[in-house]
PDB file of all heavy atoms in Angstrom:
ATOM      1  N   ALA A   1     -39.570 -29.080  29.035  1.00  0.00           N
ATOM      2  CA  ALA A   1     -41.017 -29.039  28.948  1.00  0.00           C
ATOM      3  C   ALA A   1     -41.465 -27.763  28.205  1.00  0.00           C
ATOM      4  O   ALA A   1     -40.832 -26.728  28.376  1.00  0.00           O
ATOM      5  CB  ALA A   1     -41.661 -29.084  30.317  1.00  0.00           C
ATOM      6  N   SER A   2     -42.507 -27.879  27.399  1.00  0.00           N
ATOM      7  CA  SER A   2     -42.945 -26.720  26.615  1.00  0.00           C
ATOM      8  C   SER A   2     -43.681 -25.637  27.424  1.00  0.00           C
ATOM      9  O   SER A   2     -43.964 -24.564  26.999  1.00  0.00           O
ATOM     10  CB  SER A   2     -43.797 -27.142  25.387  1.00  0.00           C
ATOM     11  OG  SER A   2     -44.911 -27.811  25.919  1.00  0.00           O
ATOM     12  N   GLY A   3     -44.046 -26.107  28.591  1.00  0.00           N
ATOM     13  CA  GLY A   3     -44.803 -25.186  29.477  1.00  0.00           C
ATOM     14  C   GLY A   3     -44.554 -25.558  30.956  1.00  0.00           C
ATOM     15  O   GLY A   3     -43.811 -26.564  31.214  1.00  0.00           O
ATOM     16  N   LYS A   4     -45.128 -24.842  31.857  1.00  0.00           N
ATOM     17  CA  LYS A   4     -44.964 -25.077  33.259  1.00  0.00           C
ATOM     18  C   LYS A   4     -45.776 -26.364  33.700  1.00  0.00           C
ATOM     19  O   LYS A   4     -46.977 -26.460  33.341  1.00  0.00           O
ATOM     20  CB  LYS A   4     -45.369 -23.898  34.099  1.00  0.00           C
ATOM     21  CG  LYS A   4     -45.175 -24.077  35.616  1.00  0.00           C
ATOM     22  CD  LYS A   4     -43.709 -24.175  35.959  1.00  0.00           C
ATOM     23  CE  LYS A   4     -43.467 -24.257  37.470  1.00  0.00           C
ATOM     24  NZ  LYS A   4     -42.048 -24.366  37.788  1.00  0.00           N
ATOM     25  N   ILE A   5     -45.112 -27.215  34.473  1.00  0.00           N
ATOM     26  CA  ILE A   5     -45.779 -28.452  35.022  1.00  0.00           C
ATOM     27  C   ILE A   5     -45.770 -28.227  36.555  1.00  0.00           C
ATOM     28  O   ILE A   5     -44.721 -28.024  37.186  1.00  0.00           O
ATOM     29  CB  ILE A   5     -45.074 -29.733  34.660  1.00  0.00           C
ATOM     30  CG1 ILE A   5     -45.029 -29.882  33.169  1.00  0.00           C
ATOM     31  CG2 ILE A   5     -45.774 -30.877  35.308  1.00  0.00           C
ATOM     32  CD1 ILE A   5     -44.184 -31.089  32.663  1.00  0.00           C
ATOM     33  N   PHE A   6     -46.911 -28.302  37.130  1.00  0.00           N
ATOM     34  CA  PHE A   6     -47.053 -28.105  38.587  1.00  0.00           C
ATOM     35  C   PHE A   6     -47.074 -29.424  39.304  1.00  0.00           C
ATOM     36  O   PHE A   6     -47.542 -30.397  38.829  1.00  0.00           O
ATOM     37  CB  PHE A   6     -48.266 -27.291  38.923  1.00  0.00           C
ATOM     38  CG  PHE A   6     -48.225 -25.848  38.423  1.00  0.00           C
ATOM     39  CD1 PHE A   6     -48.740 -25.520  37.132  1.00  0.00           C
ATOM     40  CD2 PHE A   6     -47.564 -24.818  39.057  1.00  0.00           C
ATOM     41  CE1 PHE A   6     -48.715 -24.196  36.613  1.00  0.00           C
ATOM     42  CE2 PHE A   6     -47.529 -23.581  38.627  1.00  0.00           C
ATOM     43  CZ  PHE A   6     -48.057 -23.249  37.363  1.00  0.00           C
ATOM     44  N   GLY A   7     -46.577 -29.417  40.539  1.00  0.00           N
ATOM     45  CA  GLY A   7     -46.679 -30.596  41.363  1.00  0.00           C
ATOM     46  C   GLY A   7     -45.819 -31.758  40.929  1.00  0.00           C
ATOM     47  O   GLY A   7     -46.145 -32.926  41.099  1.00  0.00           O
ATOM     48  N   VAL A   8     -44.661 -31.440  40.344  1.00  0.00           N
ATOM     49  CA  VAL A   8     -43.696 -32.457  39.876  1.00  0.00           C
ATOM     50  C   VAL A   8     -43.148 -33.193  41.126  1.00  0.00           C
ATOM     51  O   VAL A   8     -42.644 -32.553  41.996  1.00  0.00           O
ATOM     52  CB  VAL A   8     -42.660 -31.850  39.020  1.00  0.00           C
ATOM     53  CG1 VAL A   8     -41.629 -32.943  38.633  1.00  0.00           C
ATOM     54  CG2 VAL A   8     -43.161 -31.250  37.790  1.00  0.00           C
ATOM     55  N   TYR A   9     -43.229 -34.520  41.099  1.00  0.00           N
ATOM     56  CA  TYR A   9     -42.582 -35.246  42.207  1.00  0.00           C
ATOM     57  C   TYR A   9     -41.489 -36.161  41.767  1.00  0.00           C
ATOM     58  O   TYR A   9     -40.763 -36.699  42.572  1.00  0.00           O
ATOM     59  CB  TYR A   9     -43.617 -36.002  43.005  1.00  0.00           C
ATOM     60  CG  TYR A   9     -44.420 -37.023  42.298  1.00  0.00           C
ATOM     61  CD1 TYR A   9     -43.872 -38.348  42.122  1.00  0.00           C
ATOM     62  CD2 TYR A   9     -45.685 -36.790  41.802  1.00  0.00           C
ATOM     63  CE1 TYR A   9     -44.643 -39.309  41.513  1.00  0.00           C
ATOM     64  CE2 TYR A   9     -46.395 -37.754  41.162  1.00  0.00           C
ATOM     65  CZ  TYR A   9     -45.875 -39.091  41.043  1.00  0.00           C
ATOM     66  OH  TYR A   9     -46.571 -39.998  40.377  1.00  0.00           O
ATOM     67  N   ALA A  10     -41.328 -36.296  40.446  1.00  0.00           N
ATOM     68  CA  ALA A  10     -40.221 -37.092  39.958  1.00  0.00           C
ATOM     69  C   ALA A  10     -39.879 -36.735  38.498  1.00  0.00           C
ATOM     70  O   ALA A  10     -40.848 -36.459  37.735  1.00  0.00           O
ATOM     71  CB  ALA A  10     -40.440 -38.617  40.027  1.00  0.00           C
ATOM     72  N   MET A  11     -38.603 -36.789  38.158  1.00  0.00           N
ATOM     73  CA  MET A  11     -38.145 -36.658  36.795  1.00  0.00           C
ATOM     74  C   MET A  11     -37.241 -37.876  36.529  1.00  0.00           C
ATOM     75  O   MET A  11     -36.437 -38.168  37.372  1.00  0.00           O
ATOM     76  CB  MET A  11     -37.400 -35.332  36.571  1.00  0.00           C
ATOM     77  CG  MET A  11     -38.225 -34.101  36.758  1.00  0.00           C
ATOM     78  SD  MET A  11     -37.185 -32.613  36.433  1.00  0.00           S
ATOM     79  CE  MET A  11     -38.500 -31.355  36.549  1.00  0.00           C
ATOM     80  N   ALA A  12     -37.394 -38.389  35.318  1.00  0.00           N
ATOM     81  CA  ALA A  12     -36.641 -39.644  35.069  1.00  0.00           C
ATOM     82  C   ALA A  12     -36.254 -39.763  33.630  1.00  0.00           C
ATOM     83  O   ALA A  12     -36.799 -39.040  32.769  1.00  0.00           O
ATOM     84  CB  ALA A  12     -37.464 -40.868  35.496  1.00  0.00           C
ATOM     85  N   TRP A  13     -35.257 -40.661  33.343  1.00  0.00           N
ATOM     86  CA  TRP A  13     -34.875 -41.073  32.063  1.00  0.00           C
ATOM     87  C   TRP A  13     -35.095 -42.579  31.939  1.00  0.00           C
ATOM     88  O   TRP A  13     -34.690 -43.349  32.847  1.00  0.00           O
ATOM     89  CB  TRP A  13     -33.456 -40.753  31.779  1.00  0.00           C
ATOM     90  CG  TRP A  13     -33.181 -39.263  31.568  1.00  0.00           C
ATOM     91  CD1 TRP A  13     -32.810 -38.347  32.443  1.00  0.00           C
ATOM     92  CD2 TRP A  13     -33.355 -38.567  30.270  1.00  0.00           C
ATOM     93  NE1 TRP A  13     -32.735 -37.147  31.879  1.00  0.00           N
ATOM     94  CE2 TRP A  13     -33.010 -37.243  30.543  1.00  0.00           C
ATOM     95  CE3 TRP A  13     -33.717 -39.000  29.046  1.00  0.00           C
ATOM     96  CZ2 TRP A  13     -33.109 -36.293  29.565  1.00  0.00           C
ATOM     97  CZ3 TRP A  13     -33.766 -37.994  28.021  1.00  0.00           C
ATOM     98  CH2 TRP A  13     -33.422 -36.673  28.266  1.00  0.00           C
ATOM     99  N   TYR A  14     -35.710 -43.007  30.881  1.00  0.00           N
ATOM    100  CA  TYR A  14     -35.895 -44.404  30.558  1.00  0.00           C
ATOM    101  C   TYR A  14     -35.187 -44.636  29.233  1.00  0.00           C
ATOM    102  O   TYR A  14     -34.887 -43.716  28.498  1.00  0.00           O
ATOM    103  CB  TYR A  14     -37.347 -44.761  30.431  1.00  0.00           C
ATOM    104  CG  TYR A  14     -38.145 -44.819  31.734  1.00  0.00           C
ATOM    105  CD1 TYR A  14     -38.539 -43.622  32.349  1.00  0.00           C
ATOM    106  CD2 TYR A  14     -38.493 -45.991  32.258  1.00  0.00           C
ATOM    107  CE1 TYR A  14     -39.285 -43.671  33.559  1.00  0.00           C
ATOM    108  CE2 TYR A  14     -39.261 -46.085  33.453  1.00  0.00           C
ATOM    109  CZ  TYR A  14     -39.608 -44.905  34.052  1.00  0.00           C
ATOM    110  OH  TYR A  14     -40.339 -44.964  35.185  1.00  0.00           O
ATOM    111  N   ARG A  15     -34.947 -45.955  28.949  1.00  0.00           N
ATOM    112  CA  ARG A  15     -34.420 -46.261  27.590  1.00  0.00           C
ATOM    113  C   ARG A  15     -35.004 -47.596  27.124  1.00  0.00           C
ATOM    114  O   ARG A  15     -35.449 -48.393  27.972  1.00  0.00           O
ATOM    115  CB  ARG A  15     -32.892 -46.390  27.598  1.00  0.00           C
ATOM    116  CG  ARG A  15     -32.354 -47.503  28.425  1.00  0.00           C
ATOM    117  CD  ARG A  15     -30.782 -47.438  28.468  1.00  0.00           C
ATOM    118  NE  ARG A  15     -30.235 -48.521  29.288  1.00  0.00           N
ATOM    119  CZ  ARG A  15     -28.952 -48.574  29.572  1.00  0.00           C
ATOM    120  NH1 ARG A  15     -28.094 -47.656  29.118  1.00  0.00           N
ATOM    121  NH2 ARG A  15     -28.485 -49.617  30.275  1.00  0.00           N
ATOM    122  N   GLN A  16     -35.045 -47.730  25.836  1.00  0.00           N
ATOM    123  CA  GLN A  16     -35.545 -48.972  25.200  1.00  0.00           C
ATOM    124  C   GLN A  16     -34.671 -49.370  24.057  1.00  0.00           C
ATOM    125  O   GLN A  16     -34.523 -48.612  23.084  1.00  0.00           O
ATOM    126  CB  GLN A  16     -37.004 -48.780  24.802  1.00  0.00           C
ATOM    127  CG  GLN A  16     -37.651 -50.065  24.343  1.00  0.00           C
ATOM    128  CD  GLN A  16     -39.183 -49.967  24.178  1.00  0.00           C
ATOM    129  OE1 GLN A  16     -39.715 -48.876  24.098  1.00  0.00           O
ATOM    130  NE2 GLN A  16     -39.834 -51.122  24.116  1.00  0.00           N
ATOM    131  N   ALA A  17     -34.014 -50.514  24.238  1.00  0.00           N
ATOM    132  CA  ALA A  17     -33.182 -50.991  23.201  1.00  0.00           C
ATOM    133  C   ALA A  17     -34.004 -51.917  22.298  1.00  0.00           C
ATOM    134  O   ALA A  17     -35.068 -52.417  22.639  1.00  0.00           O
ATOM    135  CB  ALA A  17     -32.041 -51.837  23.783  1.00  0.00           C
ATOM    136  N   PRO A  18     -33.597 -52.131  21.018  1.00  0.00           N
ATOM    137  CA  PRO A  18     -34.432 -52.990  20.088  1.00  0.00           C
ATOM    138  C   PRO A  18     -34.621 -54.360  20.710  1.00  0.00           C
ATOM    139  O   PRO A  18     -33.726 -55.035  21.261  1.00  0.00           O
ATOM    140  CB  PRO A  18     -33.465 -53.052  18.878  1.00  0.00           C
ATOM    141  CG  PRO A  18     -32.630 -51.814  18.985  1.00  0.00           C
ATOM    142  CD  PRO A  18     -32.412 -51.532  20.356  1.00  0.00           C
ATOM    143  N   GLY A  19     -35.938 -54.776  20.668  1.00  0.00           N
ATOM    144  CA  GLY A  19     -36.275 -56.097  21.114  1.00  0.00           C
ATOM    145  C   GLY A  19     -36.369 -56.190  22.619  1.00  0.00           C
ATOM    146  O   GLY A  19     -36.570 -57.319  23.181  1.00  0.00           O
ATOM    147  N   LYS A  20     -36.163 -55.095  23.363  1.00  0.00           N
ATOM    148  CA  LYS A  20     -36.213 -55.117  24.858  1.00  0.00           C
ATOM    149  C   LYS A  20     -37.245 -54.256  25.350  1.00  0.00           C
ATOM    150  O   LYS A  20     -37.778 -53.354  24.685  1.00  0.00           O
ATOM    151  CB  LYS A  20     -34.874 -54.765  25.431  1.00  0.00           C
ATOM    152  CG  LYS A  20     -33.762 -55.710  25.063  1.00  0.00           C
ATOM    153  CD  LYS A  20     -32.483 -55.409  25.842  1.00  0.00           C
ATOM    154  CE  LYS A  20     -31.374 -56.413  25.541  1.00  0.00           C
ATOM    155  NZ  LYS A  20     -30.128 -56.054  26.304  1.00  0.00           N
ATOM    156  N   GLN A  21     -37.639 -54.465  26.662  1.00  0.00           N
ATOM    157  CA  GLN A  21     -38.618 -53.673  27.264  1.00  0.00           C
ATOM    158  C   GLN A  21     -38.013 -52.299  27.695  1.00  0.00           C
ATOM    159  O   GLN A  21     -36.767 -52.209  27.952  1.00  0.00           O
ATOM    160  CB  GLN A  21     -39.221 -54.363  28.498  1.00  0.00           C
ATOM    161  CG  GLN A  21     -40.083 -55.556  28.172  1.00  0.00           C
ATOM    162  CD  GLN A  21     -40.764 -56.039  29.396  1.00  0.00           C
ATOM    163  OE1 GLN A  21     -40.307 -55.950  30.538  1.00  0.00           O
ATOM    164  NE2 GLN A  21     -41.915 -56.706  29.169  1.00  0.00           N
ATOM    165  N   ARG A  22     -38.813 -51.282  27.847  1.00  0.00           N
ATOM    166  CA  ARG A  22     -38.371 -50.031  28.377  1.00  0.00           C
ATOM    167  C   ARG A  22     -37.929 -50.185  29.814  1.00  0.00           C
ATOM    168  O   ARG A  22     -38.599 -50.841  30.568  1.00  0.00           O
ATOM    169  CB  ARG A  22     -39.444 -48.959  28.209  1.00  0.00           C
ATOM    170  CG  ARG A  22     -38.983 -47.512  28.472  1.00  0.00           C
ATOM    171  CD  ARG A  22     -40.090 -46.546  28.200  1.00  0.00           C
ATOM    172  NE  ARG A  22     -40.507 -46.495  26.834  1.00  0.00           N
ATOM    173  CZ  ARG A  22     -41.303 -45.611  26.255  1.00  0.00           C
ATOM    174  NH1 ARG A  22     -41.838 -44.653  27.032  1.00  0.00           N
ATOM    175  NH2 ARG A  22     -41.616 -45.652  24.945  1.00  0.00           N
ATOM    176  N   GLU A  23     -36.806 -49.597  30.124  1.00  0.00           N
ATOM    177  CA  GLU A  23     -36.249 -49.729  31.448  1.00  0.00           C
ATOM    178  C   GLU A  23     -35.912 -48.375  32.064  1.00  0.00           C
ATOM    179  O   GLU A  23     -35.509 -47.426  31.338  1.00  0.00           O
ATOM    180  CB  GLU A  23     -35.016 -50.629  31.524  1.00  0.00           C
ATOM    181  CG  GLU A  23     -33.824 -50.074  30.729  1.00  0.00           C
ATOM    182  CD  GLU A  23     -32.591 -50.933  30.876  1.00  0.00           C
ATOM    183  OE1 GLU A  23     -32.559 -51.825  31.750  1.00  0.00           O
ATOM    184  OE2 GLU A  23     -31.590 -50.622  30.161  1.00  0.00           O
ATOM    185  N   LEU A  24     -36.033 -48.242  33.340  1.00  0.00           N
ATOM    186  CA  LEU A  24     -35.644 -47.076  34.053  1.00  0.00           C
ATOM    187  C   LEU A  24     -34.107 -46.961  34.110  1.00  0.00           C
ATOM    188  O   LEU A  24     -33.412 -47.817  34.477  1.00  0.00           O
ATOM    189  CB  LEU A  24     -36.187 -47.052  35.425  1.00  0.00           C
ATOM    190  CG  LEU A  24     -35.825 -45.870  36.367  1.00  0.00           C
ATOM    191  CD1 LEU A  24     -36.464 -44.608  35.823  1.00  0.00           C
ATOM    192  CD2 LEU A  24     -36.351 -46.129  37.819  1.00  0.00           C
ATOM    193  N   VAL A  25     -33.646 -45.805  33.695  1.00  0.00           N
ATOM    194  CA  VAL A  25     -32.212 -45.507  33.784  1.00  0.00           C
ATOM    195  C   VAL A  25     -31.838 -44.720  35.029  1.00  0.00           C
ATOM    196  O   VAL A  25     -30.878 -45.084  35.767  1.00  0.00           O
ATOM    197  CB  VAL A  25     -31.754 -44.744  32.524  1.00  0.00           C
ATOM    198  CG1 VAL A  25     -30.283 -44.338  32.591  1.00  0.00           C
ATOM    199  CG2 VAL A  25     -31.978 -45.525  31.252  1.00  0.00           C
ATOM    200  N   ALA A  26     -32.554 -43.654  35.315  1.00  0.00           N
ATOM    201  CA  ALA A  26     -32.259 -42.801  36.441  1.00  0.00           C
ATOM    202  C   ALA A  26     -33.484 -41.985  36.809  1.00  0.00           C
ATOM    203  O   ALA A  26     -34.233 -41.682  35.879  1.00  0.00           O
ATOM    204  CB  ALA A  26     -31.121 -41.887  36.148  1.00  0.00           C
ATOM    205  N   VAL A  27     -33.675 -41.764  38.040  1.00  0.00           N
ATOM    206  CA  VAL A  27     -34.809 -40.922  38.539  1.00  0.00           C
ATOM    207  C   VAL A  27     -34.343 -40.019  39.645  1.00  0.00           C
ATOM    208  O   VAL A  27     -33.519 -40.371  40.505  1.00  0.00           O
ATOM    209  CB  VAL A  27     -35.931 -41.819  38.994  1.00  0.00           C
ATOM    210  CG1 VAL A  27     -35.549 -42.771  40.105  1.00  0.00           C
ATOM    211  CG2 VAL A  27     -37.142 -40.971  39.423  1.00  0.00           C
ATOM    212  N   ILE A  28     -34.887 -38.775  39.602  1.00  0.00           N
ATOM    213  CA  ILE A  28     -34.617 -37.818  40.654  1.00  0.00           C
ATOM    214  C   ILE A  28     -35.935 -37.357  41.176  1.00  0.00           C
ATOM    215  O   ILE A  28     -36.788 -36.962  40.436  1.00  0.00           O
ATOM    216  CB  ILE A  28     -33.716 -36.698  40.181  1.00  0.00           C
ATOM    217  CG1 ILE A  28     -33.423 -35.708  41.297  1.00  0.00           C
ATOM    218  CG2 ILE A  28     -34.311 -35.968  38.965  1.00  0.00           C
ATOM    219  CD1 ILE A  28     -32.255 -34.634  40.956  1.00  0.00           C
ATOM    220  N   ARG A  29     -36.096 -37.434  42.528  1.00  0.00           N
ATOM    221  CA  ARG A  29     -37.414 -37.166  43.124  1.00  0.00           C
ATOM    222  C   ARG A  29     -37.417 -35.787  43.724  1.00  0.00           C
ATOM    223  O   ARG A  29     -36.359 -35.095  43.793  1.00  0.00           O
ATOM    224  CB  ARG A  29     -37.731 -38.178  44.139  1.00  0.00           C
ATOM    225  CG  ARG A  29     -37.913 -39.643  43.573  1.00  0.00           C
ATOM    226  CD  ARG A  29     -38.173 -40.691  44.555  1.00  0.00           C
ATOM    227  NE  ARG A  29     -38.444 -41.996  43.906  1.00  0.00           N
ATOM    228  CZ  ARG A  29     -37.432 -42.779  43.465  1.00  0.00           C
ATOM    229  NH1 ARG A  29     -36.258 -42.482  43.626  1.00  0.00           N
ATOM    230  NH2 ARG A  29     -37.832 -43.934  42.945  1.00  0.00           N
ATOM    231  N   SER A  30     -38.580 -35.273  44.077  1.00  0.00           N
ATOM    232  CA  SER A  30     -38.731 -33.896  44.488  1.00  0.00           C
ATOM    233  C   SER A  30     -37.845 -33.579  45.711  1.00  0.00           C
ATOM    234  O   SER A  30     -37.427 -32.515  45.930  1.00  0.00           O
ATOM    235  CB  SER A  30     -40.208 -33.559  44.739  1.00  0.00           C
ATOM    236  OG  SER A  30     -40.739 -34.421  45.737  1.00  0.00           O
ATOM    237  N   GLY A  31     -37.687 -34.578  46.552  1.00  0.00           N
ATOM    238  CA  GLY A  31     -36.870 -34.391  47.776  1.00  0.00           C
ATOM    239  C   GLY A  31     -35.355 -34.478  47.534  1.00  0.00           C
ATOM    240  O   GLY A  31     -34.520 -34.276  48.372  1.00  0.00           O
ATOM    241  N   GLY A  32     -35.025 -34.732  46.260  1.00  0.00           N
ATOM    242  CA  GLY A  32     -33.639 -34.831  45.816  1.00  0.00           C
ATOM    243  C   GLY A  32     -33.060 -36.258  45.762  1.00  0.00           C
ATOM    244  O   GLY A  32     -31.892 -36.436  45.350  1.00  0.00           O
ATOM    245  N   ARG A  33     -33.810 -37.256  46.187  1.00  0.00           N
ATOM    246  CA  ARG A  33     -33.279 -38.580  46.173  1.00  0.00           C
ATOM    247  C   ARG A  33     -33.212 -39.055  44.744  1.00  0.00           C
ATOM    248  O   ARG A  33     -34.056 -38.842  43.941  1.00  0.00           O
ATOM    249  CB  ARG A  33     -34.246 -39.535  46.958  1.00  0.00           C
ATOM    250  CG  ARG A  33     -33.737 -40.928  47.135  1.00  0.00           C
ATOM    251  CD  ARG A  33     -34.477 -41.637  48.262  1.00  0.00           C
ATOM    252  NE  ARG A  33     -35.841 -41.765  48.036  1.00  0.00           N
ATOM    253  CZ  ARG A  33     -36.448 -42.845  47.550  1.00  0.00           C
ATOM    254  NH1 ARG A  33     -35.741 -43.914  47.280  1.00  0.00           N
ATOM    255  NH2 ARG A  33     -37.774 -42.874  47.438  1.00  0.00           N
ATOM    256  N   ILE A  34     -32.055 -39.744  44.496  1.00  0.00           N
ATOM    257  CA  ILE A  34     -31.698 -40.186  43.137  1.00  0.00           C
ATOM    258  C   ILE A  34     -31.464 -41.671  43.130  1.00  0.00           C
ATOM    259  O   ILE A  34     -30.854 -42.247  44.104  1.00  0.00           O
ATOM    260  CB  ILE A  34     -30.420 -39.490  42.623  1.00  0.00           C
ATOM    261  CG1 ILE A  34     -30.745 -37.957  42.428  1.00  0.00           C
ATOM    262  CG2 ILE A  34     -29.990 -40.072  41.298  1.00  0.00           C
ATOM    263  CD1 ILE A  34     -29.520 -37.111  41.994  1.00  0.00           C
ATOM    264  N   ASN A  35     -31.917 -42.300  42.131  1.00  0.00           N
ATOM    265  CA  ASN A  35     -31.692 -43.728  41.927  1.00  0.00           C
ATOM    266  C   ASN A  35     -31.255 -43.998  40.485  1.00  0.00           C
ATOM    267  O   ASN A  35     -31.703 -43.332  39.561  1.00  0.00           O
ATOM    268  CB  ASN A  35     -32.907 -44.627  42.257  1.00  0.00           C
ATOM    269  CG  ASN A  35     -33.268 -44.613  43.712  1.00  0.00           C
ATOM    270  OD1 ASN A  35     -34.154 -43.877  44.170  1.00  0.00           O
ATOM    271  ND2 ASN A  35     -32.533 -45.400  44.534  1.00  0.00           N
ATOM    272  N   TYR A  36     -30.307 -44.947  40.418  1.00  0.00           N
ATOM    273  CA  TYR A  36     -29.854 -45.347  39.058  1.00  0.00           C
ATOM    274  C   TYR A  36     -29.964 -46.830  38.830  1.00  0.00           C
ATOM    275  O   TYR A  36     -29.905 -47.632  39.789  1.00  0.00           O
ATOM    276  CB  TYR A  36     -28.289 -44.995  38.929  1.00  0.00           C
ATOM    277  CG  TYR A  36     -27.970 -43.541  38.929  1.00  0.00           C
ATOM    278  CD1 TYR A  36     -27.552 -42.973  40.101  1.00  0.00           C
ATOM    279  CD2 TYR A  36     -28.155 -42.751  37.803  1.00  0.00           C
ATOM    280  CE1 TYR A  36     -27.239 -41.569  40.139  1.00  0.00           C
ATOM    281  CE2 TYR A  36     -27.790 -41.404  37.824  1.00  0.00           C
ATOM    282  CZ  TYR A  36     -27.367 -40.877  39.010  1.00  0.00           C
ATOM    283  OH  TYR A  36     -27.051 -39.534  39.008  1.00  0.00           O
ATOM    284  N   ALA A  37     -30.105 -47.196  37.627  1.00  0.00           N
ATOM    285  CA  ALA A  37     -29.996 -48.605  37.270  1.00  0.00           C
ATOM    286  C   ALA A  37     -28.613 -49.115  37.534  1.00  0.00           C
ATOM    287  O   ALA A  37     -27.660 -48.371  37.342  1.00  0.00           O
ATOM    288  CB  ALA A  37     -30.390 -48.835  35.749  1.00  0.00           C
ATOM    289  N   ASP A  38     -28.469 -50.335  38.003  1.00  0.00           N
ATOM    290  CA  ASP A  38     -27.130 -50.828  38.269  1.00  0.00           C
ATOM    291  C   ASP A  38     -26.204 -50.722  37.119  1.00  0.00           C
ATOM    292  O   ASP A  38     -24.989 -50.457  37.264  1.00  0.00           O
ATOM    293  CB  ASP A  38     -27.240 -52.274  38.751  1.00  0.00           C
ATOM    294  CG  ASP A  38     -27.893 -52.451  40.115  1.00  0.00           C
ATOM    295  OD1 ASP A  38     -27.903 -51.408  40.859  1.00  0.00           O
ATOM    296  OD2 ASP A  38     -28.316 -53.547  40.509  1.00  0.00           O
TER     297      ASP A  38
END
């Protein structure tokens, strides 16, 4: 991030392949819980 962001509760990566919808790849939440796409 180019500056400070306050109150962050999740950080994530998404991806979009040609002709497909954007999908969630992985997310990490403020409490540390992580989820991945299968």
